[in-house]
N, C-alpha and C. Protein backbone atom coordinates (compact mmCIF):
# COMPACT_ATOMS: atom_id res chain seq x y z
N MET A 1 77.96 219.89 110.94
CA MET A 1 77.23 219.14 111.98
C MET A 1 76.21 218.22 111.35
N ILE A 2 76.17 216.99 111.82
CA ILE A 2 75.27 216.00 111.24
C ILE A 2 73.82 216.29 111.63
N SER A 3 72.95 216.27 110.64
CA SER A 3 71.52 216.42 110.90
C SER A 3 70.93 215.02 111.05
N TRP A 4 70.86 214.56 112.30
CA TRP A 4 70.39 213.20 112.54
C TRP A 4 68.95 212.97 112.09
N PRO A 5 68.01 213.92 112.30
CA PRO A 5 66.65 213.69 111.80
C PRO A 5 66.61 213.46 110.28
N ALA A 6 67.40 214.26 109.53
CA ALA A 6 67.43 214.09 108.08
C ALA A 6 68.06 212.76 107.70
N LEU A 7 69.14 212.38 108.40
CA LEU A 7 69.84 211.14 108.10
C LEU A 7 68.95 209.92 108.38
N PHE A 8 68.30 209.92 109.55
CA PHE A 8 67.45 208.78 109.91
C PHE A 8 66.19 208.73 109.05
N SER A 9 65.63 209.91 108.73
CA SER A 9 64.45 209.94 107.86
C SER A 9 64.80 209.41 106.48
N GLY A 10 65.96 209.84 105.96
CA GLY A 10 66.40 209.36 104.66
C GLY A 10 66.66 207.86 104.67
N PHE A 11 67.30 207.37 105.74
CA PHE A 11 67.59 205.95 105.84
C PHE A 11 66.30 205.13 105.80
N GLY A 12 65.34 205.52 106.62
CA GLY A 12 64.07 204.79 106.66
C GLY A 12 63.35 204.84 105.33
N PHE A 13 63.34 206.01 104.71
CA PHE A 13 62.64 206.16 103.43
C PHE A 13 63.35 205.37 102.34
N GLY A 14 64.69 205.44 102.32
CA GLY A 14 65.45 204.72 101.31
C GLY A 14 65.25 203.22 101.43
N PHE A 15 65.19 202.71 102.66
CA PHE A 15 64.99 201.28 102.89
C PHE A 15 63.58 200.87 102.47
N ILE A 16 62.59 201.68 102.88
CA ILE A 16 61.19 201.32 102.61
C ILE A 16 60.86 201.41 101.12
N ILE A 17 61.38 202.43 100.44
CA ILE A 17 61.04 202.61 99.03
C ILE A 17 61.69 201.53 98.16
N ALA A 18 62.79 200.95 98.65
CA ALA A 18 63.47 199.90 97.89
C ALA A 18 62.87 198.52 98.15
N ALA A 19 62.21 198.36 99.30
CA ALA A 19 61.80 197.03 99.75
C ALA A 19 60.66 196.39 98.97
N PRO A 20 59.63 197.12 98.50
CA PRO A 20 58.52 196.43 97.83
C PRO A 20 58.98 195.63 96.61
N VAL A 21 58.35 194.48 96.42
CA VAL A 21 58.70 193.64 95.27
C VAL A 21 58.16 194.28 94.00
N GLY A 22 59.05 194.59 93.09
CA GLY A 22 58.71 195.20 91.82
C GLY A 22 59.71 194.75 90.78
N PRO A 23 59.70 195.40 89.62
CA PRO A 23 60.62 194.98 88.55
C PRO A 23 62.10 195.06 88.93
N MET A 24 62.49 196.08 89.70
CA MET A 24 63.90 196.20 90.06
C MET A 24 64.29 195.14 91.09
N SER A 25 63.39 194.83 92.01
CA SER A 25 63.66 193.76 92.97
C SER A 25 63.80 192.42 92.24
N LEU A 26 62.92 192.18 91.26
CA LEU A 26 63.00 190.95 90.48
C LEU A 26 64.30 190.87 89.69
N LEU A 27 64.72 192.03 89.17
CA LEU A 27 65.98 192.06 88.42
C LEU A 27 67.16 191.72 89.33
N CYS A 28 67.15 192.28 90.53
CA CYS A 28 68.20 191.99 91.50
C CYS A 28 68.19 190.52 91.89
N ILE A 29 67.01 189.97 92.13
CA ILE A 29 66.88 188.56 92.51
C ILE A 29 67.38 187.66 91.38
N ASN A 30 66.94 187.99 90.15
CA ASN A 30 67.33 187.18 89.00
C ASN A 30 68.83 187.16 88.80
N ARG A 31 69.46 188.31 88.90
CA ARG A 31 70.90 188.38 88.70
C ARG A 31 71.67 187.70 89.83
N THR A 32 71.13 187.78 91.03
CA THR A 32 71.77 187.07 92.14
C THR A 32 71.70 185.57 91.92
N LEU A 33 70.56 185.09 91.47
CA LEU A 33 70.40 183.66 91.22
C LEU A 33 71.31 183.17 90.10
N LYS A 34 71.44 183.98 89.04
CA LYS A 34 72.18 183.54 87.86
C LYS A 34 73.68 183.82 87.95
N HIS A 35 74.04 184.93 88.59
CA HIS A 35 75.43 185.36 88.53
C HIS A 35 76.09 185.56 89.90
N GLY A 36 75.31 185.39 90.97
CA GLY A 36 75.90 185.45 92.28
C GLY A 36 75.66 186.74 93.04
N PHE A 37 76.19 186.77 94.27
CA PHE A 37 75.95 187.86 95.21
C PHE A 37 76.39 189.22 94.67
N TRP A 38 77.59 189.29 94.07
CA TRP A 38 78.12 190.58 93.67
C TRP A 38 77.34 191.19 92.51
N ALA A 39 76.81 190.36 91.63
CA ALA A 39 75.98 190.88 90.54
C ALA A 39 74.68 191.47 91.08
N GLY A 40 74.10 190.78 92.07
CA GLY A 40 72.89 191.31 92.69
C GLY A 40 73.15 192.59 93.44
N LEU A 41 74.25 192.63 94.18
CA LEU A 41 74.58 193.84 94.94
C LEU A 41 74.90 195.00 94.00
N ALA A 42 75.58 194.73 92.88
CA ALA A 42 75.89 195.78 91.91
C ALA A 42 74.61 196.35 91.31
N THR A 43 73.63 195.48 91.07
CA THR A 43 72.33 195.94 90.56
C THR A 43 71.68 196.87 91.57
N GLY A 44 71.69 196.49 92.84
CA GLY A 44 71.13 197.34 93.88
C GLY A 44 71.88 198.65 94.03
N ALA A 45 73.21 198.61 93.88
CA ALA A 45 74.01 199.83 94.01
C ALA A 45 73.66 200.83 92.90
N GLY A 46 73.42 200.32 91.69
CA GLY A 46 73.02 201.20 90.60
C GLY A 46 71.68 201.87 90.88
N ILE A 47 70.75 201.10 91.44
CA ILE A 47 69.45 201.65 91.80
C ILE A 47 69.60 202.73 92.88
N ALA A 48 70.40 202.42 93.89
CA ALA A 48 70.61 203.36 95.00
C ALA A 48 71.26 204.65 94.50
N PHE A 49 72.22 204.54 93.58
CA PHE A 49 72.90 205.72 93.07
C PHE A 49 71.94 206.63 92.30
N ALA A 50 71.05 206.03 91.50
CA ALA A 50 70.05 206.82 90.78
C ALA A 50 69.09 207.49 91.75
N ASP A 51 68.69 206.76 92.80
CA ASP A 51 67.81 207.35 93.82
C ASP A 51 68.48 208.56 94.48
N VAL A 52 69.78 208.45 94.73
CA VAL A 52 70.49 209.54 95.38
C VAL A 52 70.54 210.77 94.47
N LEU A 53 70.75 210.56 93.18
CA LEU A 53 70.77 211.70 92.25
C LEU A 53 69.42 212.42 92.24
N TYR A 54 68.34 211.65 92.23
CA TYR A 54 67.01 212.26 92.27
C TYR A 54 66.78 212.96 93.61
N ALA A 55 67.25 212.37 94.69
CA ALA A 55 67.10 212.99 96.01
C ALA A 55 67.90 214.28 96.10
N LEU A 56 69.12 214.27 95.54
CA LEU A 56 69.93 215.48 95.53
C LEU A 56 69.26 216.58 94.72
N ALA A 57 68.67 216.19 93.60
CA ALA A 57 67.96 217.17 92.78
C ALA A 57 66.79 217.77 93.54
N THR A 58 66.18 216.97 94.41
CA THR A 58 65.03 217.44 95.19
C THR A 58 65.46 218.43 96.27
N VAL A 59 66.45 218.08 97.07
CA VAL A 59 66.82 218.92 98.21
C VAL A 59 67.56 220.18 97.77
N THR A 60 68.18 220.16 96.59
CA THR A 60 68.89 221.35 96.11
C THR A 60 68.05 222.16 95.14
N SER A 61 66.79 221.75 94.99
CA SER A 61 65.83 222.51 94.17
C SER A 61 66.32 222.69 92.73
N PHE A 62 66.79 221.60 92.14
CA PHE A 62 67.16 221.64 90.72
C PHE A 62 65.88 221.61 89.89
N ARG A 63 65.31 222.79 89.64
CA ARG A 63 64.05 222.85 88.91
C ARG A 63 64.19 222.29 87.50
N ILE A 64 65.39 222.44 86.92
CA ILE A 64 65.60 221.97 85.56
C ILE A 64 65.41 220.45 85.45
N VAL A 65 65.78 219.73 86.53
CA VAL A 65 65.60 218.27 86.53
C VAL A 65 64.13 217.92 86.53
N ASN A 66 63.36 218.62 87.36
CA ASN A 66 61.93 218.37 87.41
C ASN A 66 61.26 218.71 86.09
N GLU A 67 61.68 219.82 85.48
CA GLU A 67 61.11 220.21 84.19
C GLU A 67 61.45 219.20 83.11
N PHE A 68 62.68 218.68 83.15
CA PHE A 68 63.10 217.70 82.15
C PHE A 68 62.30 216.41 82.27
N THR A 69 62.16 215.90 83.52
CA THR A 69 61.43 214.65 83.71
C THR A 69 59.95 214.81 83.38
N SER A 70 59.40 216.01 83.61
CA SER A 70 58.00 216.25 83.27
C SER A 70 57.81 216.32 81.76
N ALA A 71 58.75 216.97 81.07
CA ALA A 71 58.64 217.15 79.63
C ALA A 71 58.84 215.85 78.87
N TYR A 72 59.69 215.00 79.39
CA TYR A 72 60.02 213.76 78.67
C TYR A 72 59.55 212.52 79.43
N ASP A 73 58.46 212.67 80.14
CA ASP A 73 57.94 211.56 80.94
C ASP A 73 57.61 210.34 80.08
N LEU A 74 56.90 210.55 78.97
CA LEU A 74 56.48 209.44 78.12
C LEU A 74 57.66 208.70 77.49
N PRO A 75 58.57 209.40 76.79
CA PRO A 75 59.70 208.65 76.21
C PRO A 75 60.58 207.96 77.25
N LEU A 76 60.75 208.59 78.41
CA LEU A 76 61.54 207.96 79.46
C LEU A 76 60.89 206.67 79.95
N ARG A 77 59.57 206.72 80.14
CA ARG A 77 58.86 205.52 80.59
C ARG A 77 58.89 204.42 79.54
N LEU A 78 58.74 204.81 78.28
CA LEU A 78 58.77 203.82 77.20
C LEU A 78 60.15 203.17 77.08
N ILE A 79 61.19 204.00 77.12
CA ILE A 79 62.56 203.49 77.01
C ILE A 79 62.87 202.56 78.19
N GLY A 80 62.48 203.01 79.38
CA GLY A 80 62.73 202.19 80.56
C GLY A 80 62.01 200.85 80.49
N SER A 81 60.75 200.87 80.05
CA SER A 81 59.98 199.63 79.96
C SER A 81 60.54 198.70 78.89
N LEU A 82 60.93 199.27 77.75
CA LEU A 82 61.52 198.46 76.68
C LEU A 82 62.84 197.84 77.14
N PHE A 83 63.65 198.63 77.82
CA PHE A 83 64.94 198.14 78.32
C PHE A 83 64.73 197.02 79.32
N LEU A 84 63.72 197.18 80.17
CA LEU A 84 63.41 196.14 81.15
C LEU A 84 63.00 194.84 80.43
N GLY A 85 62.24 194.98 79.35
CA GLY A 85 61.84 193.81 78.57
C GLY A 85 63.04 193.12 77.93
N VAL A 86 63.96 193.92 77.42
CA VAL A 86 65.18 193.36 76.82
C VAL A 86 65.98 192.58 77.87
N LEU A 87 66.10 193.16 79.07
CA LEU A 87 66.81 192.47 80.15
C LEU A 87 66.10 191.19 80.54
N GLY A 88 64.76 191.24 80.55
CA GLY A 88 63.99 190.04 80.89
C GLY A 88 64.21 188.92 79.89
N VAL A 89 64.21 189.28 78.60
CA VAL A 89 64.45 188.28 77.56
C VAL A 89 65.87 187.75 77.65
N LYS A 90 66.81 188.66 77.92
CA LYS A 90 68.21 188.25 78.01
C LYS A 90 68.45 187.28 79.15
N THR A 91 67.76 187.47 80.26
CA THR A 91 67.96 186.60 81.42
C THR A 91 67.36 185.22 81.22
N LEU A 92 66.58 185.03 80.15
CA LEU A 92 66.03 183.71 79.89
C LEU A 92 67.11 182.73 79.45
N TRP A 93 68.20 183.28 78.89
CA TRP A 93 69.28 182.41 78.45
C TRP A 93 70.17 182.07 79.64
N PRO A 94 70.63 180.82 79.70
CA PRO A 94 71.48 180.43 80.83
C PRO A 94 72.80 181.14 80.81
N GLY A 95 73.33 181.46 82.00
CA GLY A 95 74.63 182.13 82.10
C GLY A 95 75.75 181.16 81.81
N LYS A 96 76.89 181.69 81.39
CA LYS A 96 78.05 180.87 81.08
C LYS A 96 78.82 180.56 82.35
N SER A 97 79.22 179.32 82.48
CA SER A 97 80.00 178.94 83.65
C SER A 97 81.47 179.11 83.36
N GLY A 98 82.27 179.22 84.42
CA GLY A 98 83.71 179.34 84.25
C GLY A 98 84.13 180.64 83.60
N ALA A 99 83.44 181.72 83.89
CA ALA A 99 83.76 183.00 83.27
C ALA A 99 85.10 183.52 83.79
N LYS A 100 85.81 184.23 82.93
CA LYS A 100 87.09 184.82 83.31
C LYS A 100 86.87 186.00 84.25
N PRO A 101 87.88 186.36 85.08
CA PRO A 101 87.72 187.49 86.00
C PRO A 101 87.34 188.78 85.28
N GLU A 102 87.90 189.00 84.07
CA GLU A 102 87.58 190.21 83.32
C GLU A 102 86.10 190.24 82.96
N ALA A 103 85.58 189.06 82.59
CA ALA A 103 84.16 188.98 82.24
C ALA A 103 83.29 189.20 83.46
N VAL A 104 83.73 188.70 84.61
CA VAL A 104 82.97 188.90 85.85
C VAL A 104 82.92 190.38 86.20
N ARG A 105 84.08 191.06 86.11
CA ARG A 105 84.11 192.49 86.42
C ARG A 105 83.24 193.27 85.44
N SER A 106 83.27 192.88 84.16
CA SER A 106 82.45 193.54 83.16
C SER A 106 80.98 193.33 83.45
N GLY A 107 80.61 192.10 83.89
CA GLY A 107 79.22 191.82 84.21
C GLY A 107 78.74 192.63 85.39
N ILE A 108 79.59 192.82 86.39
CA ILE A 108 79.22 193.62 87.56
C ILE A 108 79.03 195.08 87.16
N ALA A 109 79.92 195.59 86.33
CA ALA A 109 79.79 196.98 85.86
C ALA A 109 78.52 197.15 85.05
N TYR A 110 78.22 196.16 84.20
CA TYR A 110 77.00 196.21 83.40
C TYR A 110 75.76 196.16 84.29
N SER A 111 75.80 195.31 85.30
CA SER A 111 74.66 195.19 86.21
C SER A 111 74.38 196.53 86.90
N MET A 112 75.43 197.19 87.34
CA MET A 112 75.27 198.47 88.02
C MET A 112 74.77 199.56 87.08
N PHE A 113 75.38 199.64 85.90
CA PHE A 113 75.04 200.72 84.96
C PHE A 113 73.63 200.55 84.41
N SER A 114 73.24 199.32 84.08
CA SER A 114 71.91 199.09 83.51
C SER A 114 70.81 199.38 84.53
N SER A 115 71.01 198.97 85.78
CA SER A 115 70.00 199.25 86.80
C SER A 115 69.94 200.74 87.11
N PHE A 116 71.09 201.42 87.03
CA PHE A 116 71.13 202.87 87.22
C PHE A 116 70.30 203.57 86.15
N LEU A 117 70.46 203.18 84.88
CA LEU A 117 69.70 203.79 83.80
C LEU A 117 68.21 203.48 83.91
N LEU A 118 67.89 202.25 84.30
CA LEU A 118 66.48 201.88 84.44
C LEU A 118 65.79 202.72 85.51
N THR A 119 66.48 202.95 86.62
CA THR A 119 65.89 203.75 87.69
C THR A 119 65.75 205.21 87.28
N LEU A 120 66.74 205.73 86.57
CA LEU A 120 66.64 207.11 86.08
C LEU A 120 65.49 207.27 85.09
N ALA A 121 65.16 206.20 84.38
CA ALA A 121 64.09 206.26 83.37
C ALA A 121 62.71 206.24 83.99
N ASN A 122 62.63 206.28 85.32
CA ASN A 122 61.34 206.31 86.02
C ASN A 122 61.17 207.67 86.70
N PRO A 123 60.63 208.66 85.98
CA PRO A 123 60.51 210.01 86.55
C PRO A 123 59.65 210.09 87.79
N ALA A 124 58.80 209.09 88.01
CA ALA A 124 57.94 209.12 89.19
C ALA A 124 58.76 209.05 90.47
N THR A 125 60.01 208.58 90.37
CA THR A 125 60.86 208.47 91.56
C THR A 125 61.05 209.82 92.23
N ILE A 126 61.27 210.85 91.41
CA ILE A 126 61.55 212.17 91.97
C ILE A 126 60.33 212.73 92.70
N LEU A 127 59.13 212.32 92.29
CA LEU A 127 57.92 212.79 92.95
C LEU A 127 57.85 212.29 94.39
N SER A 128 58.27 211.05 94.60
CA SER A 128 58.24 210.51 95.96
C SER A 128 59.24 211.24 96.85
N PHE A 129 60.39 211.61 96.31
CA PHE A 129 61.38 212.35 97.09
C PHE A 129 60.91 213.78 97.36
N MET A 130 60.22 214.37 96.39
CA MET A 130 59.68 215.72 96.61
C MET A 130 58.63 215.70 97.71
N ALA A 131 57.80 214.65 97.72
CA ALA A 131 56.78 214.53 98.76
C ALA A 131 57.43 214.34 100.13
N LEU A 132 58.50 213.53 100.18
CA LEU A 132 59.21 213.33 101.44
C LEU A 132 59.81 214.63 101.95
N ALA A 133 60.51 215.35 101.06
CA ALA A 133 61.16 216.60 101.46
C ALA A 133 60.13 217.62 101.95
N ALA A 134 58.98 217.69 101.28
CA ALA A 134 57.94 218.63 101.68
C ALA A 134 57.36 218.27 103.04
N SER A 135 57.19 216.97 103.30
CA SER A 135 56.60 216.54 104.56
C SER A 135 57.54 216.77 105.75
N LEU A 136 58.86 216.82 105.49
CA LEU A 136 59.83 217.00 106.57
C LEU A 136 60.09 218.46 106.91
N GLY A 137 59.61 219.38 106.07
CA GLY A 137 59.82 220.79 106.35
C GLY A 137 61.09 221.33 105.70
N ASN A 138 61.26 222.64 105.78
CA ASN A 138 62.37 223.30 105.09
C ASN A 138 63.74 222.90 105.62
N THR A 139 63.86 222.76 106.94
CA THR A 139 65.18 222.48 107.53
C THR A 139 65.66 221.08 107.22
N VAL A 140 64.86 220.09 107.59
CA VAL A 140 65.23 218.69 107.38
C VAL A 140 65.12 218.32 105.91
N GLY A 141 64.06 218.79 105.24
CA GLY A 141 63.81 218.43 103.85
C GLY A 141 64.82 218.97 102.87
N SER A 142 65.57 220.00 103.26
CA SER A 142 66.58 220.57 102.36
C SER A 142 68.01 220.19 102.76
N SER A 143 68.15 219.32 103.76
CA SER A 143 69.47 218.92 104.23
C SER A 143 70.09 217.89 103.28
N LEU A 144 71.39 218.03 103.04
CA LEU A 144 72.10 217.06 102.21
C LEU A 144 72.23 215.71 102.91
N PHE A 145 71.98 215.67 104.21
CA PHE A 145 72.01 214.39 104.92
C PHE A 145 70.79 213.54 104.57
N LEU A 146 69.76 214.15 103.98
CA LEU A 146 68.59 213.38 103.56
C LEU A 146 68.94 212.41 102.43
N PRO A 147 69.54 212.88 101.31
CA PRO A 147 69.96 211.91 100.28
C PRO A 147 71.04 210.95 100.76
N ALA A 148 71.89 211.40 101.69
CA ALA A 148 72.90 210.49 102.24
C ALA A 148 72.22 209.34 102.98
N GLY A 149 71.19 209.65 103.75
CA GLY A 149 70.43 208.61 104.45
C GLY A 149 69.69 207.70 103.49
N ILE A 150 69.14 208.29 102.42
CA ILE A 150 68.45 207.49 101.40
C ILE A 150 69.41 206.50 100.75
N ALA A 151 70.63 206.97 100.44
CA ALA A 151 71.64 206.08 99.86
C ALA A 151 71.97 204.92 100.79
N LEU A 152 72.15 205.24 102.08
CA LEU A 152 72.50 204.22 103.06
C LEU A 152 71.37 203.21 103.24
N GLY A 153 70.13 203.71 103.35
CA GLY A 153 68.99 202.82 103.53
C GLY A 153 68.76 201.93 102.33
N SER A 154 68.86 202.51 101.14
CA SER A 154 68.67 201.74 99.92
C SER A 154 69.74 200.67 99.76
N CYS A 155 71.01 201.04 100.00
CA CYS A 155 72.11 200.08 99.89
C CYS A 155 71.96 198.94 100.90
N CYS A 156 71.50 199.26 102.10
CA CYS A 156 71.31 198.23 103.12
C CYS A 156 70.25 197.22 102.68
N TRP A 157 69.18 197.71 102.06
CA TRP A 157 68.15 196.79 101.59
C TRP A 157 68.70 195.87 100.49
N TRP A 158 69.40 196.43 99.51
CA TRP A 158 69.90 195.61 98.41
C TRP A 158 70.97 194.64 98.89
N LEU A 159 71.76 195.05 99.86
CA LEU A 159 72.74 194.15 100.46
C LEU A 159 72.04 192.99 101.15
N LEU A 160 71.00 193.30 101.91
CA LEU A 160 70.24 192.28 102.62
C LEU A 160 69.55 191.33 101.64
N LEU A 161 68.92 191.88 100.61
CA LEU A 161 68.20 191.05 99.63
C LEU A 161 69.17 190.12 98.90
N SER A 162 70.29 190.67 98.42
CA SER A 162 71.27 189.86 97.69
C SER A 162 71.83 188.74 98.57
N ALA A 163 72.11 189.08 99.83
CA ALA A 163 72.66 188.08 100.76
C ALA A 163 71.65 186.97 101.03
N ILE A 164 70.37 187.34 101.22
CA ILE A 164 69.34 186.33 101.49
C ILE A 164 69.15 185.41 100.29
N ILE A 165 69.05 186.01 99.09
CA ILE A 165 68.83 185.20 97.88
C ILE A 165 70.03 184.30 97.63
N CYS A 166 71.23 184.83 97.84
CA CYS A 166 72.44 184.02 97.65
C CYS A 166 72.48 182.86 98.64
N TRP A 167 72.10 183.12 99.88
CA TRP A 167 72.07 182.07 100.90
C TRP A 167 71.02 181.01 100.58
N ILE A 168 69.83 181.48 100.15
CA ILE A 168 68.75 180.55 99.82
C ILE A 168 69.14 179.68 98.62
N SER A 169 69.78 180.29 97.63
CA SER A 169 70.12 179.55 96.42
C SER A 169 71.09 178.41 96.71
N GLY A 170 71.88 178.55 97.76
CA GLY A 170 72.80 177.48 98.13
C GLY A 170 72.14 176.35 98.89
N LYS A 171 70.89 176.56 99.32
CA LYS A 171 70.19 175.55 100.12
C LYS A 171 69.16 174.78 99.30
N LEU A 172 68.84 175.28 98.10
CA LEU A 172 67.76 174.69 97.31
C LEU A 172 68.31 173.91 96.12
N PRO A 173 67.55 172.94 95.62
CA PRO A 173 67.99 172.16 94.46
C PRO A 173 68.19 173.06 93.22
N ASP A 174 69.10 172.65 92.34
CA ASP A 174 69.39 173.44 91.14
C ASP A 174 68.16 173.59 90.26
N ALA A 175 67.34 172.55 90.19
CA ALA A 175 66.14 172.61 89.34
C ALA A 175 65.18 173.69 89.84
N PHE A 176 65.05 173.80 91.16
CA PHE A 176 64.17 174.82 91.73
C PHE A 176 64.72 176.21 91.47
N ILE A 177 66.04 176.39 91.58
CA ILE A 177 66.67 177.69 91.33
C ILE A 177 66.47 178.10 89.88
N ARG A 178 66.61 177.14 88.96
CA ARG A 178 66.40 177.45 87.54
C ARG A 178 64.95 177.86 87.29
N SER A 179 64.01 177.17 87.95
CA SER A 179 62.59 177.52 87.81
C SER A 179 62.31 178.91 88.36
N LEU A 180 62.90 179.22 89.51
CA LEU A 180 62.71 180.53 90.13
C LEU A 180 63.29 181.64 89.25
N SER A 181 64.45 181.36 88.65
CA SER A 181 65.07 182.32 87.75
C SER A 181 64.20 182.54 86.52
N LEU A 182 63.62 181.46 86.00
CA LEU A 182 62.75 181.56 84.83
C LEU A 182 61.50 182.38 85.15
N ILE A 183 60.91 182.14 86.32
CA ILE A 183 59.71 182.88 86.73
C ILE A 183 60.02 184.37 86.85
N SER A 184 61.16 184.71 87.46
CA SER A 184 61.52 186.13 87.60
C SER A 184 61.76 186.77 86.25
N SER A 185 62.33 186.02 85.28
CA SER A 185 62.55 186.55 83.94
C SER A 185 61.22 186.85 83.25
N VAL A 186 60.28 185.92 83.37
CA VAL A 186 58.95 186.11 82.77
C VAL A 186 58.24 187.30 83.40
N CYS A 187 58.38 187.44 84.73
CA CYS A 187 57.76 188.57 85.43
C CYS A 187 58.35 189.90 84.96
N LEU A 188 59.65 189.93 84.70
CA LEU A 188 60.28 191.14 84.17
C LEU A 188 59.68 191.52 82.83
N ILE A 189 59.47 190.54 81.97
CA ILE A 189 58.87 190.80 80.65
C ILE A 189 57.44 191.30 80.81
N LEU A 190 56.69 190.72 81.74
CA LEU A 190 55.31 191.16 81.98
C LEU A 190 55.29 192.59 82.51
N PHE A 191 56.21 192.92 83.43
CA PHE A 191 56.31 194.29 83.92
C PHE A 191 56.61 195.24 82.77
N SER A 192 57.47 194.81 81.86
CA SER A 192 57.82 195.63 80.71
C SER A 192 56.59 195.91 79.84
N LEU A 193 55.83 194.87 79.53
CA LEU A 193 54.63 195.03 78.71
C LEU A 193 53.59 195.90 79.41
N TYR A 194 53.48 195.72 80.72
CA TYR A 194 52.54 196.54 81.50
C TYR A 194 52.95 198.01 81.48
N GLY A 195 54.24 198.27 81.65
CA GLY A 195 54.74 199.65 81.62
C GLY A 195 54.53 200.30 80.27
N ILE A 196 54.78 199.56 79.20
CA ILE A 196 54.58 200.10 77.85
C ILE A 196 53.11 200.41 77.60
N SER A 197 52.23 199.50 78.01
CA SER A 197 50.79 199.72 77.81
C SER A 197 50.29 200.94 78.59
N LEU A 198 50.77 201.09 79.84
CA LEU A 198 50.36 202.25 80.64
C LEU A 198 50.84 203.55 80.01
N ALA A 199 52.09 203.55 79.52
CA ALA A 199 52.64 204.76 78.90
C ALA A 199 51.85 205.12 77.64
N LEU A 200 51.53 204.13 76.82
CA LEU A 200 50.78 204.39 75.59
C LEU A 200 49.35 204.82 75.87
N LEU A 201 48.73 204.19 76.87
CA LEU A 201 47.36 204.59 77.24
C LEU A 201 47.35 206.00 77.79
N GLY A 202 48.37 206.36 78.58
CA GLY A 202 48.46 207.71 79.11
C GLY A 202 48.66 208.73 78.00
N ALA A 203 49.44 208.36 76.98
CA ALA A 203 49.66 209.28 75.86
C ALA A 203 48.39 209.44 75.04
N GLY A 204 47.64 208.33 74.89
CA GLY A 204 46.42 208.39 74.11
C GLY A 204 45.29 209.09 74.83
N GLY A 205 45.33 209.00 76.21
CA GLY A 205 44.26 209.63 76.99
C GLY A 205 44.50 211.08 77.20
């Protein structure tokens, strides 16, 4: 039987947690601008899949996952921030036009896998899901329909964002799109440096 409160709560939470503009949103925007709708959607799908894994770990009380993310919080944050910086630098180079279908499929797979790893490298994600599950109580907070709703809400946001950016990019001059792509790339690098500095300051403090 479907637990509608868990499903709707998960949907709303998944949509809201994905919506704020941050490094992952910028990555999705950048890839949509440079490589099109499917690259942006694949990036969002990777993020949503990682969120679902963390949500599943929360509702099924996988204590080992929480212990692992707590024990390796610093290296995970450093790796994630460094990887984000690498992606930011990589996006500064113009994409190749006339790519073969195999290259397009490979790029979509890469977009999904890289965003999945980046999201997993942020242990703070699981804390937000733990707080959500606790606030909903034992019945709703432990339902498997909660991560299902989170997946649906997150995917809907990334679908909406990719579609809007793709539509906007077709209405604006190429020079403006290139400038917007450059700004998002620089912002990704700044987010990377900020994440590294926070991780190192936390380790030193």
